[in-house]
Amino acid sequence: MVKMNLKIDKDKCIHCGQCISDCMVGAIEFDENKVPQVAKGGENRCMKCQHCLAICPVGALSILDKSPENSEPVKQHNPDEILNLIKSRRSFRHYKKENLSPEIMAKLKDMLNWVPTGVNNHNLHFSFIDDIEVMNDFREYTNKKLIEVVSKPIIGNTLKKFERYKKALLKGNDIVFRGAPHMLVVSSPINAPCKDVDPMIALSYFELYAQSLGVGTVWCGIAYGVLRFFPELCKQLEIPDTHKVSYVMLFGPADAKYHRTIQPEPYTMVSVKKGHREMSFIEKIKRFIINGK
């Protein structure tokens, strides 16, 4: 049960009811004087999303010990600039051998507190390597473990995936971490309602905000695979035993500069038309299997 601690400034409240209509779990209702109050059973349903705090037009509502005076006003944003940021986002694989400034690192970490999650489940775990010396130590240890694996006879398809990296690793090429000075690993509770989706949303927000600050990023599937293959690395990253490793992002001061957007091939898009389409039993089974993969 959540202790909502709902407070209404009656001198400010205009009784518009927006806080009530926007509460998806019905945790707030009007009292006999049309002042918002906690509904019966509301504290059992409250998701701590703070929509009621955000939507109140006059700042009359406080909840969860959060007051409107401590929130920032919503600003209008230039959609063309946001679209340009999305278009100009690139994967960086060349980094300067230096730390980000403490100020930039603090901004990146703080931003993650605002990323959305399914049913507002704020239990994502973020493991940062925010010091290049720590990263170099982690890099050296991991590459050594990989060299031990690829130097042995390859058995099974899983290990064969590392075979093509053998020569590069033996030459000392950092094919996993790309020389990045920093790394972010996101993990999610195994019982979280949206454990596979939430971490990807968080990293997407992180990437765009990072690149708006001039910080290079790259989604790193190889590092993700290495963490799954060598579970002892998860202990070094202080990932809780209750959490599943979701994905990895490398980042740092970029040692490359892109001057224009790319011209991608378009994705397939359809506009769904009115009406229902019947499926055979076989089609339903096939779709069920595909959706479950």
C-alpha atoms as a PDB file:
ATOM      1  CA  MET A   1       0.000   0.000   0.000  1.00  0.00           C
ATOM      2  CA  VAL A   2       1.216   3.492  -0.921  1.00  0.00           C
ATOM      3  CA  LYS A   3       1.024   6.321   1.582  1.00  0.00           C
ATOM      4  CA  MET A   4      -0.359   8.922  -0.818  1.00  0.00           C
ATOM      5  CA  ASN A   5      -0.319  11.855   1.590  1.00  0.00           C
ATOM      6  CA  LEU A   6      -2.669  13.767  -0.727  1.00  0.00           C
ATOM      7  CA  LYS A   7      -2.956  17.469   0.139  1.00  0.00           C
ATOM      8  CA  ILE A   8      -5.171  20.042  -1.557  1.00  0.00           C
ATOM      9  CA  ASP A   9      -4.713  23.800  -1.263  1.00  0.00           C
ATOM     10  CA  LYS A  10      -8.368  24.757  -1.035  1.00  0.00           C
ATOM     11  CA  ASP A  11      -7.615  28.396  -1.767  1.00  0.00           C
ATOM     12  CA  LYS A  12      -6.115  27.415  -5.134  1.00  0.00           C
ATOM     13  CA  CYS A  13      -8.294  24.450  -6.133  1.00  0.00           C
ATOM     14  CA  ILE A  14     -10.766  25.338  -8.922  1.00  0.00           C
ATOM     15  CA  HIS A  15     -12.624  21.995  -8.618  1.00  0.00           C
ATOM     16  CA  CYS A  16     -11.991  21.142 -12.293  1.00  0.00           C
ATOM     17  CA  GLY A  17     -11.623  17.421 -11.593  1.00  0.00           C
ATOM     18  CA  GLN A  18      -8.719  16.909 -13.993  1.00  0.00           C
ATOM     19  CA  CYS A  19      -6.698  15.124 -11.300  1.00  0.00           C
ATOM     20  CA  ILE A  20      -9.586  12.673 -10.881  1.00  0.00           C
ATOM     21  CA  SER A  21     -10.298  12.017 -14.557  1.00  0.00           C
ATOM     22  CA  ASP A  22      -6.590  11.550 -15.363  1.00  0.00           C
ATOM     23  CA  CYS A  23      -6.009   8.999 -12.595  1.00  0.00           C
ATOM     24  CA  MET A  24      -6.142   5.694 -14.483  1.00  0.00           C
ATOM     25  CA  VAL A  25      -6.566   3.634 -11.301  1.00  0.00           C
ATOM     26  CA  GLY A  26      -9.282   5.779  -9.729  1.00  0.00           C
ATOM     27  CA  ALA A  27      -7.314   6.598  -6.587  1.00  0.00           C
ATOM     28  CA  ILE A  28      -8.839  10.098  -6.220  1.00  0.00           C
ATOM     29  CA  GLU A  29     -12.435  11.287  -5.970  1.00  0.00           C
ATOM     30  CA  PHE A  30     -14.386  14.411  -4.969  1.00  0.00           C
ATOM     31  CA  ASP A  31     -15.609  14.813  -1.413  1.00  0.00           C
ATOM     32  CA  GLU A  32     -18.999  16.354  -0.616  1.00  0.00           C
ATOM     33  CA  ASN A  33     -17.533  19.838  -1.184  1.00  0.00           C
ATOM     34  CA  LYS A  34     -16.048  18.880  -4.553  1.00  0.00           C
ATOM     35  CA  VAL A  35     -12.528  18.862  -3.172  1.00  0.00           C
ATOM     36  CA  PRO A  36     -10.281  15.988  -4.336  1.00  0.00           C
ATOM     37  CA  GLN A  37      -9.608  13.317  -1.735  1.00  0.00           C
ATOM     38  CA  VAL A  38      -8.234   9.771  -1.619  1.00  0.00           C
ATOM     39  CA  ALA A  39     -10.898   7.359  -2.869  1.00  0.00           C
ATOM     40  CA  LYS A  40     -11.799   4.243  -0.931  1.00  0.00           C
ATOM     41  CA  GLY A  41      -8.996   1.760  -1.536  1.00  0.00           C
ATOM     42  CA  GLY A  42      -7.067   4.405  -3.450  1.00  0.00           C
ATOM     43  CA  GLU A  43      -3.830   3.875  -1.543  1.00  0.00           C
ATOM     44  CA  ASN A  44      -3.892   0.220  -2.613  1.00  0.00           C
ATOM     45  CA  ARG A  45      -4.196   1.232  -6.269  1.00  0.00           C
ATOM     46  CA  CYS A  46      -1.932   4.291  -6.490  1.00  0.00           C
ATOM     47  CA  MET A  47       0.943   3.749  -8.971  1.00  0.00           C
ATOM     48  CA  LYS A  48       2.913   6.812  -7.802  1.00  0.00           C
ATOM     49  CA  CYS A  49       2.843   8.163 -11.368  1.00  0.00           C
ATOM     50  CA  GLN A  50       2.181  11.731 -10.144  1.00  0.00           C
ATOM     51  CA  HIS A  51      -0.134  12.466 -13.087  1.00  0.00           C
ATOM     52  CA  CYS A  52      -2.453  14.285 -10.697  1.00  0.00           C
ATOM     53  CA  LEU A  53       0.413  16.532  -9.588  1.00  0.00           C
ATOM     54  CA  ALA A  54       1.407  17.255 -13.188  1.00  0.00           C
ATOM     55  CA  ILE A  55      -2.054  17.939 -14.603  1.00  0.00           C
ATOM     56  CA  CYS A  56      -3.389  20.334 -11.951  1.00  0.00           C
ATOM     57  CA  PRO A  57      -3.560  23.675 -13.818  1.00  0.00           C
ATOM     58  CA  VAL A  58      -3.206  25.825 -10.693  1.00  0.00           C
ATOM     59  CA  GLY A  59      -0.747  23.782  -8.638  1.00  0.00           C
ATOM     60  CA  ALA A  60      -3.210  23.060  -5.849  1.00  0.00           C
ATOM     61  CA  LEU A  61      -2.355  19.378  -5.383  1.00  0.00           C
ATOM     62  CA  SER A  62       0.535  17.771  -3.528  1.00  0.00           C
ATOM     63  CA  ILE A  63       1.031  14.014  -3.265  1.00  0.00           C
ATOM     64  CA  LEU A  64       3.625  11.522  -2.038  1.00  0.00           C
ATOM     65  CA  ASP A  65       5.358  14.401  -0.251  1.00  0.00           C
ATOM     66  CA  LYS A  66       5.888  16.062  -3.642  1.00  0.00           C
ATOM     67  CA  SER A  67       4.749  19.668  -4.030  1.00  0.00           C
ATOM     68  CA  PRO A  68       4.125  21.496  -7.337  1.00  0.00           C
ATOM     69  CA  GLU A  69       6.585  24.231  -6.364  1.00  0.00           C
ATOM     70  CA  ASN A  70       9.433  21.730  -6.791  1.00  0.00           C
ATOM     71  CA  SER A  71       8.375  20.692 -10.312  1.00  0.00           C
ATOM     72  CA  GLU A  72       9.523  22.389 -13.510  1.00  0.00           C
ATOM     73  CA  PRO A  73       6.922  24.001 -15.781  1.00  0.00           C
ATOM     74  CA  VAL A  74       6.247  22.234 -19.076  1.00  0.00           C
ATOM     75  CA  LYS A  75       7.872  24.074 -21.998  1.00  0.00           C
ATOM     76  CA  GLN A  76       7.035  24.089 -25.680  1.00  0.00           C
ATOM     77  CA  HIS A  77       9.660  22.312 -27.805  1.00  0.00           C
ATOM     78  CA  ASN A  78      10.641  22.867 -31.402  1.00  0.00           C
ATOM     79  CA  PRO A  79       9.499  19.710 -33.229  1.00  0.00           C
ATOM     80  CA  ASP A  80      11.883  20.301 -36.143  1.00  0.00           C
ATOM     81  CA  GLU A  81      14.873  20.383 -33.776  1.00  0.00           C
ATOM     82  CA  ILE A  82      13.734  17.203 -32.050  1.00  0.00           C
ATOM     83  CA  LEU A  83      13.268  15.482 -35.426  1.00  0.00           C
ATOM     84  CA  ASN A  84      16.746  16.618 -36.493  1.00  0.00           C
ATOM     85  CA  LEU A  85      18.198  15.109 -33.308  1.00  0.00           C
ATOM     86  CA  ILE A  86      16.492  11.802 -34.132  1.00  0.00           C
ATOM     87  CA  LYS A  87      17.671  11.934 -37.753  1.00  0.00           C
ATOM     88  CA  SER A  88      21.252  12.853 -36.844  1.00  0.00           C
ATOM     89  CA  ARG A  89      21.662  10.185 -34.150  1.00  0.00           C
ATOM     90  CA  ARG A  90      24.579   7.930 -34.997  1.00  0.00           C
ATOM     91  CA  SER A  91      26.358   4.937 -33.499  1.00  0.00           C
ATOM     92  CA  PHE A  92      29.862   5.999 -32.441  1.00  0.00           C
ATOM     93  CA  ARG A  93      32.724   3.493 -32.443  1.00  0.00           C
ATOM     94  CA  HIS A  94      35.620   5.910 -31.974  1.00  0.00           C
ATOM     95  CA  TYR A  95      36.112   7.603 -28.614  1.00  0.00           C
ATOM     96  CA  LYS A  96      38.612   9.897 -26.987  1.00  0.00           C
ATOM     97  CA  LYS A  97      40.594   8.197 -24.232  1.00  0.00           C
ATOM     98  CA  GLU A  98      39.253  10.430 -21.489  1.00  0.00           C
ATOM     99  CA  ASN A  99      36.407  10.682 -18.995  1.00  0.00           C
ATOM    100  CA  LEU A 100      33.329  12.756 -19.531  1.00  0.00           C
ATOM    101  CA  SER A 101      33.155  15.740 -17.231  1.00  0.00           C
ATOM    102  CA  PRO A 102      31.495  15.065 -13.851  1.00  0.00           C
ATOM    103  CA  GLU A 103      28.794  17.598 -14.783  1.00  0.00           C
ATOM    104  CA  ILE A 104      27.821  15.771 -17.997  1.00  0.00           C
ATOM    105  CA  MET A 105      27.904  12.387 -16.263  1.00  0.00           C
ATOM    106  CA  ALA A 106      25.645  13.685 -13.496  1.00  0.00           C
ATOM    107  CA  LYS A 107      23.142  15.009 -16.048  1.00  0.00           C
ATOM    108  CA  LEU A 108      23.031  11.660 -17.855  1.00  0.00           C
ATOM    109  CA  LYS A 109      22.431   9.749 -14.650  1.00  0.00           C
ATOM    110  CA  ASP A 110      19.798  12.138 -13.342  1.00  0.00           C
ATOM    111  CA  MET A 111      17.821  12.042 -16.605  1.00  0.00           C
ATOM    112  CA  LEU A 112      17.196   8.320 -16.187  1.00  0.00           C
ATOM    113  CA  ASN A 113      14.880   9.017 -13.247  1.00  0.00           C
ATOM    114  CA  TRP A 114      12.297  10.280 -15.760  1.00  0.00           C
ATOM    115  CA  VAL A 115      12.245   7.365 -18.223  1.00  0.00           C
ATOM    116  CA  PRO A 116       8.842   5.659 -18.506  1.00  0.00           C
ATOM    117  CA  THR A 117       8.237   2.068 -17.419  1.00  0.00           C
ATOM    118  CA  GLY A 118       5.271  -0.291 -17.542  1.00  0.00           C
ATOM    119  CA  VAL A 119       2.806   0.446 -14.696  1.00  0.00           C
ATOM    120  CA  ASN A 120       5.420   2.890 -13.375  1.00  0.00           C
ATOM    121  CA  ASN A 121       7.573   0.030 -12.091  1.00  0.00           C
ATOM    122  CA  HIS A 122      10.680   1.967 -11.052  1.00  0.00           C
ATOM    123  CA  ASN A 123      12.916  -1.006 -10.366  1.00  0.00           C
ATOM    124  CA  LEU A 124      15.310  -0.817 -13.287  1.00  0.00           C
ATOM    125  CA  HIS A 125      18.948  -1.128 -12.239  1.00  0.00           C
ATOM    126  CA  PHE A 126      21.652   0.939 -13.959  1.00  0.00           C
ATOM    127  CA  SER A 127      25.278  -0.153 -13.658  1.00  0.00           C
ATOM    128  CA  PHE A 128      27.607   2.632 -14.758  1.00  0.00           C
ATOM    129  CA  ILE A 129      31.305   2.421 -15.417  1.00  0.00           C
ATOM    130  CA  ASP A 130      31.966   6.130 -15.213  1.00  0.00           C
ATOM    131  CA  ASP A 131      35.756   6.099 -14.798  1.00  0.00           C
ATOM    132  CA  ILE A 132      38.058   5.172 -17.666  1.00  0.00           C
ATOM    133  CA  GLU A 133      40.513   3.404 -15.348  1.00  0.00           C
ATOM    134  CA  VAL A 134      37.731   1.118 -14.126  1.00  0.00           C
ATOM    135  CA  MET A 135      36.612   0.623 -17.720  1.00  0.00           C
ATOM    136  CA  ASN A 136      40.123  -0.293 -18.851  1.00  0.00           C
ATOM    137  CA  ASP A 137      40.401  -2.820 -16.038  1.00  0.00           C
ATOM    138  CA  PHE A 138      37.013  -4.328 -16.947  1.00  0.00           C
ATOM    139  CA  ARG A 139      38.003  -4.316 -20.621  1.00  0.00           C
ATOM    140  CA  GLU A 140      41.317  -6.080 -19.979  1.00  0.00           C
ATOM    141  CA  TYR A 141      39.742  -8.744 -17.767  1.00  0.00           C
ATOM    142  CA  THR A 142      36.898  -9.431 -20.210  1.00  0.00           C
ATOM    143  CA  ASN A 143      39.114  -9.583 -23.289  1.00  0.00           C
ATOM    144  CA  LYS A 144      41.432 -11.995 -21.472  1.00  0.00           C
ATOM    145  CA  LYS A 145      38.450 -14.257 -20.694  1.00  0.00           C
ATOM    146  CA  LEU A 146      37.369 -14.101 -24.333  1.00  0.00           C
ATOM    147  CA  ILE A 147      40.822 -14.972 -25.625  1.00  0.00           C
ATOM    148  CA  GLU A 148      40.836 -18.041 -23.373  1.00  0.00           C
ATOM    149  CA  VAL A 149      37.530 -19.150 -24.904  1.00  0.00           C
ATOM    150  CA  VAL A 150      38.316 -18.534 -28.573  1.00  0.00           C
ATOM    151  CA  SER A 151      41.726 -20.189 -28.188  1.00  0.00           C
ATOM    152  CA  LYS A 152      40.083 -23.494 -27.313  1.00  0.00           C
ATOM    153  CA  PRO A 153      38.531 -25.933 -29.811  1.00  0.00           C
ATOM    154  CA  ILE A 154      35.141 -24.602 -30.742  1.00  0.00           C
ATOM    155  CA  ILE A 155      32.226 -26.836 -29.757  1.00  0.00           C
ATOM    156  CA  GLY A 156      28.626 -25.923 -30.477  1.00  0.00           C
ATOM    157  CA  ASN A 157      27.021 -23.001 -32.278  1.00  0.00           C
ATOM    158  CA  THR A 158      27.154 -20.647 -29.305  1.00  0.00           C
ATOM    159  CA  LEU A 159      30.932 -20.687 -29.102  1.00  0.00           C
ATOM    160  CA  LYS A 160      31.284 -20.494 -32.877  1.00  0.00           C
ATOM    161  CA  LYS A 161      29.971 -16.952 -32.686  1.00  0.00           C
ATOM    162  CA  PHE A 162      33.279 -15.947 -31.053  1.00  0.00           C
ATOM    163  CA  GLU A 163      35.478 -17.746 -33.582  1.00  0.00           C
ATOM    164  CA  ARG A 164      35.533 -14.890 -36.094  1.00  0.00           C
ATOM    165  CA  TYR A 165      36.747 -12.517 -33.392  1.00  0.00           C
ATOM    166  CA  LYS A 166      39.746 -14.674 -32.500  1.00  0.00           C
ATOM    167  CA  LYS A 167      42.332 -13.032 -34.732  1.00  0.00           C
ATOM    168  CA  ALA A 168      41.232  -9.542 -33.808  1.00  0.00           C
ATOM    169  CA  LEU A 169      41.357 -10.318 -30.088  1.00  0.00           C
ATOM    170  CA  LEU A 170      44.779 -11.909 -30.353  1.00  0.00           C
ATOM    171  CA  LYS A 171      46.011  -8.778 -32.113  1.00  0.00           C
ATOM    172  CA  GLY A 172      44.785  -6.717 -29.178  1.00  0.00           C
ATOM    173  CA  ASN A 173      41.863  -5.110 -30.990  1.00  0.00           C
ATOM    174  CA  ASP A 174      39.087  -4.010 -28.638  1.00  0.00           C
ATOM    175  CA  ILE A 175      36.280  -5.428 -30.742  1.00  0.00           C
ATOM    176  CA  VAL A 176      33.883  -5.658 -27.807  1.00  0.00           C
ATOM    177  CA  PHE A 177      34.114  -2.259 -26.140  1.00  0.00           C
ATOM    178  CA  ARG A 178      35.390  -0.193 -29.082  1.00  0.00           C
ATOM    179  CA  GLY A 179      37.756   1.778 -26.869  1.00  0.00           C
ATOM    180  CA  ALA A 180      34.826   3.455 -25.110  1.00  0.00           C
ATOM    181  CA  PRO A 181      35.707   5.028 -21.758  1.00  0.00           C
ATOM    182  CA  HIS A 182      32.270   4.389 -20.254  1.00  0.00           C
ATOM    183  CA  MET A 183      29.587   1.714 -20.193  1.00  0.00           C
ATOM    184  CA  LEU A 184      25.984   1.512 -19.040  1.00  0.00           C
ATOM    185  CA  VAL A 185      24.321  -1.845 -18.345  1.00  0.00           C
ATOM    186  CA  VAL A 186      20.572  -1.911 -17.715  1.00  0.00           C
ATOM    187  CA  SER A 187      18.959  -4.795 -15.869  1.00  0.00           C
ATOM    188  CA  SER A 188      15.354  -5.408 -14.914  1.00  0.00           C
ATOM    189  CA  PRO A 189      13.644  -7.508 -12.227  1.00  0.00           C
ATOM    190  CA  ILE A 190      12.746 -10.916 -13.614  1.00  0.00           C
ATOM    191  CA  ASN A 191       9.179 -10.420 -12.340  1.00  0.00           C
ATOM    192  CA  ALA A 192       8.727  -6.888 -13.708  1.00  0.00           C
ATOM    193  CA  PRO A 193       5.591  -6.512 -15.859  1.00  0.00           C
ATOM    194  CA  CYS A 194       7.533  -5.171 -18.860  1.00  0.00           C
ATOM    195  CA  LYS A 195      11.023  -6.516 -18.169  1.00  0.00           C
ATOM    196  CA  ASP A 196      12.011  -6.854 -21.834  1.00  0.00           C
ATOM    197  CA  VAL A 197      10.733  -3.472 -23.015  1.00  0.00           C
ATOM    198  CA  ASP A 198      11.478  -1.018 -20.181  1.00  0.00           C
ATOM    199  CA  PRO A 199      15.290  -1.228 -20.439  1.00  0.00           C
ATOM    200  CA  MET A 200      15.225  -0.547 -24.190  1.00  0.00           C
ATOM    201  CA  ILE A 201      13.031   2.506 -23.660  1.00  0.00           C
ATOM    202  CA  ALA A 202      15.457   3.740 -20.988  1.00  0.00           C
ATOM    203  CA  LEU A 203      18.476   3.312 -23.259  1.00  0.00           C
ATOM    204  CA  SER A 204      16.681   5.066 -26.125  1.00  0.00           C
ATOM    205  CA  TYR A 205      16.044   8.082 -23.905  1.00  0.00           C
ATOM    206  CA  PHE A 206      19.629   7.930 -22.656  1.00  0.00           C
ATOM    207  CA  GLU A 207      21.049   7.805 -26.180  1.00  0.00           C
ATOM    208  CA  LEU A 208      19.129  10.801 -27.495  1.00  0.00           C
ATOM    209  CA  TYR A 209      19.844  12.918 -24.434  1.00  0.00           C
ATOM    210  CA  ALA A 210      23.523  11.922 -24.541  1.00  0.00           C
ATOM    211  CA  GLN A 211      23.859  12.932 -28.174  1.00  0.00           C
ATOM    212  CA  SER A 212      22.117  16.241 -27.481  1.00  0.00           C
ATOM    213  CA  LEU A 213      24.967  16.853 -25.009  1.00  0.00           C
ATOM    214  CA  GLY A 214      27.590  15.969 -27.611  1.00  0.00           C
ATOM    215  CA  VAL A 215      28.237  12.510 -26.113  1.00  0.00           C
ATOM    216  CA  GLY A 216      28.770   9.558 -28.444  1.00  0.00           C
ATOM    217  CA  THR A 217      26.909   6.291 -27.834  1.00  0.00           C
ATOM    218  CA  VAL A 218      26.605   2.825 -29.340  1.00  0.00           C
ATOM    219  CA  TRP A 219      24.283  -0.090 -28.619  1.00  0.00           C
ATOM    220  CA  CYS A 220      26.601  -3.016 -27.966  1.00  0.00           C
ATOM    221  CA  GLY A 221      25.202  -6.464 -28.672  1.00  0.00           C
ATOM    222  CA  ILE A 222      28.620  -8.112 -28.356  1.00  0.00           C
ATOM    223  CA  ALA A 223      29.084  -6.789 -24.822  1.00  0.00           C
ATOM    224  CA  TYR A 224      25.548  -7.945 -24.003  1.00  0.00           C
ATOM    225  CA  GLY A 225      26.422 -11.431 -25.240  1.00  0.00           C
ATOM    226  CA  VAL A 226      29.649 -11.452 -23.235  1.00  0.00           C
ATOM    227  CA  LEU A 227      27.783 -10.566 -20.021  1.00  0.00           C
ATOM    228  CA  ARG A 228      25.394 -13.458 -20.604  1.00  0.00           C
ATOM    229  CA  PHE A 229      28.257 -15.833 -21.359  1.00  0.00           C
ATOM    230  CA  PHE A 230      30.376 -14.822 -18.352  1.00  0.00           C
ATOM    231  CA  PRO A 231      27.938 -14.385 -15.441  1.00  0.00           C
ATOM    232  CA  GLU A 232      30.796 -13.472 -13.080  1.00  0.00           C
ATOM    233  CA  LEU A 233      30.964 -10.120 -14.868  1.00  0.00           C
ATOM    234  CA  CYS A 234      27.479  -9.357 -13.549  1.00  0.00           C
ATOM    235  CA  LYS A 235      28.810  -9.578 -10.009  1.00  0.00           C
ATOM    236  CA  GLN A 236      31.545  -7.109 -10.848  1.00  0.00           C
ATOM    237  CA  LEU A 237      28.882  -4.771 -12.235  1.00  0.00           C
ATOM    238  CA  GLU A 238      26.856  -5.171  -9.002  1.00  0.00           C
ATOM    239  CA  ILE A 239      23.774  -6.398 -10.844  1.00  0.00           C
ATOM    240  CA  PRO A 240      21.286  -7.799  -8.292  1.00  0.00           C
ATOM    241  CA  ASP A 241      20.578 -11.539  -8.342  1.00  0.00           C
ATOM    242  CA  THR A 242      16.907 -10.689  -8.827  1.00  0.00           C
ATOM    243  CA  HIS A 243      17.583  -8.831 -12.095  1.00  0.00           C
ATOM    244  CA  LYS A 244      18.047  -9.939 -15.698  1.00  0.00           C
ATOM    245  CA  VAL A 245      20.719  -8.271 -17.834  1.00  0.00           C
ATOM    246  CA  SER A 246      18.822  -6.462 -20.572  1.00  0.00           C
ATOM    247  CA  TYR A 247      21.311  -4.600 -22.728  1.00  0.00           C
ATOM    248  CA  VAL A 248      24.525  -2.586 -22.877  1.00  0.00           C
ATOM    249  CA  MET A 249      25.365   0.884 -24.153  1.00  0.00           C
ATOM    250  CA  LEU A 250      28.884   2.221 -24.563  1.00  0.00           C
ATOM    251  CA  PHE A 251      29.410   5.971 -24.428  1.00  0.00           C
ATOM    252  CA  GLY A 252      31.937   8.736 -24.002  1.00  0.00           C
ATOM    253  CA  PRO A 253      33.535  11.757 -25.683  1.00  0.00           C
ATOM    254  CA  ALA A 254      33.290  10.985 -29.397  1.00  0.00           C
ATOM    255  CA  ASP A 255      36.412  11.025 -31.536  1.00  0.00           C
ATOM    256  CA  ALA A 256      34.384  11.478 -34.732  1.00  0.00           C
ATOM    257  CA  LYS A 257      31.979  14.091 -36.059  1.00  0.00           C
ATOM    258  CA  TYR A 258      29.094  13.562 -38.452  1.00  0.00           C
ATOM    259  CA  HIS A 259      28.097  16.535 -40.594  1.00  0.00           C
ATOM    260  CA  ARG A 260      24.778  15.498 -42.070  1.00  0.00           C
ATOM    261  CA  THR A 261      21.919  13.062 -41.665  1.00  0.00           C
ATOM    262  CA  ILE A 262      21.709   9.810 -43.597  1.00  0.00           C
ATOM    263  CA  GLN A 263      19.047   8.853 -46.164  1.00  0.00           C
ATOM    264  CA  PRO A 264      17.607   5.561 -44.887  1.00  0.00           C
ATOM    265  CA  GLU A 265      15.557   3.055 -46.799  1.00  0.00           C
ATOM    266  CA  PRO A 266      11.931   3.358 -45.648  1.00  0.00           C
ATOM    267  CA  TYR A 267      10.350   0.784 -43.401  1.00  0.00           C
ATOM    268  CA  THR A 268       7.151  -1.023 -44.348  1.00  0.00           C
ATOM    269  CA  MET A 269       4.131   0.900 -43.081  1.00  0.00           C
ATOM    270  CA  VAL A 270       0.429   0.191 -43.479  1.00  0.00           C
ATOM    271  CA  SER A 271      -2.714   2.109 -42.674  1.00  0.00           C
ATOM    272  CA  VAL A 272      -5.155  -0.333 -41.123  1.00  0.00           C
ATOM    273  CA  LYS A 273      -8.612  -0.275 -42.685  1.00  0.00           C
ATOM    274  CA  LYS A 274     -11.945  -0.821 -41.036  1.00  0.00           C
ATOM    275  CA  GLY A 275     -13.237  -4.357 -40.830  1.00  0.00           C
ATOM    276  CA  HIS A 276     -12.234  -7.729 -39.381  1.00  0.00           C
ATOM    277  CA  ARG A 277     -10.239 -10.435 -41.107  1.00  0.00           C
ATOM    278  CA  GLU A 278     -10.790 -14.072 -40.303  1.00  0.00           C
ATOM    279  CA  MET A 279      -7.850 -16.420 -39.645  1.00  0.00           C
ATOM    280  CA  SER A 280      -7.701 -20.150 -40.055  1.00  0.00           C
ATOM    281  CA  PHE A 281      -6.773 -22.294 -37.086  1.00  0.00           C
ATOM    282  CA  ILE A 282      -3.317 -22.935 -38.595  1.00  0.00           C
ATOM    283  CA  GLU A 283      -2.766 -19.204 -39.129  1.00  0.00           C
ATOM    284  CA  LYS A 284      -3.718 -18.522 -35.522  1.00  0.00           C
ATOM    285  CA  ILE A 285      -1.251 -21.123 -34.224  1.00  0.00           C
ATOM    286  CA  LYS A 286       1.494 -19.761 -36.468  1.00  0.00           C
ATOM    287  CA  ARG A 287       0.855 -16.192 -35.295  1.00  0.00           C
ATOM    288  CA  PHE A 288       0.759 -17.341 -31.663  1.00  0.00           C
ATOM    289  CA  ILE A 289       4.160 -19.017 -32.059  1.00  0.00           C
ATOM    290  CA  ILE A 290       5.713 -16.051 -33.857  1.00  0.00           C
ATOM    291  CA  ASN A 291       4.437 -13.567 -31.281  1.00  0.00           C
ATOM    292  CA  GLY A 292       5.855 -15.750 -28.526  1.00  0.00           C
ATOM    293  CA  LYS A 293       9.393 -15.826 -29.914  1.00  0.00           C
END
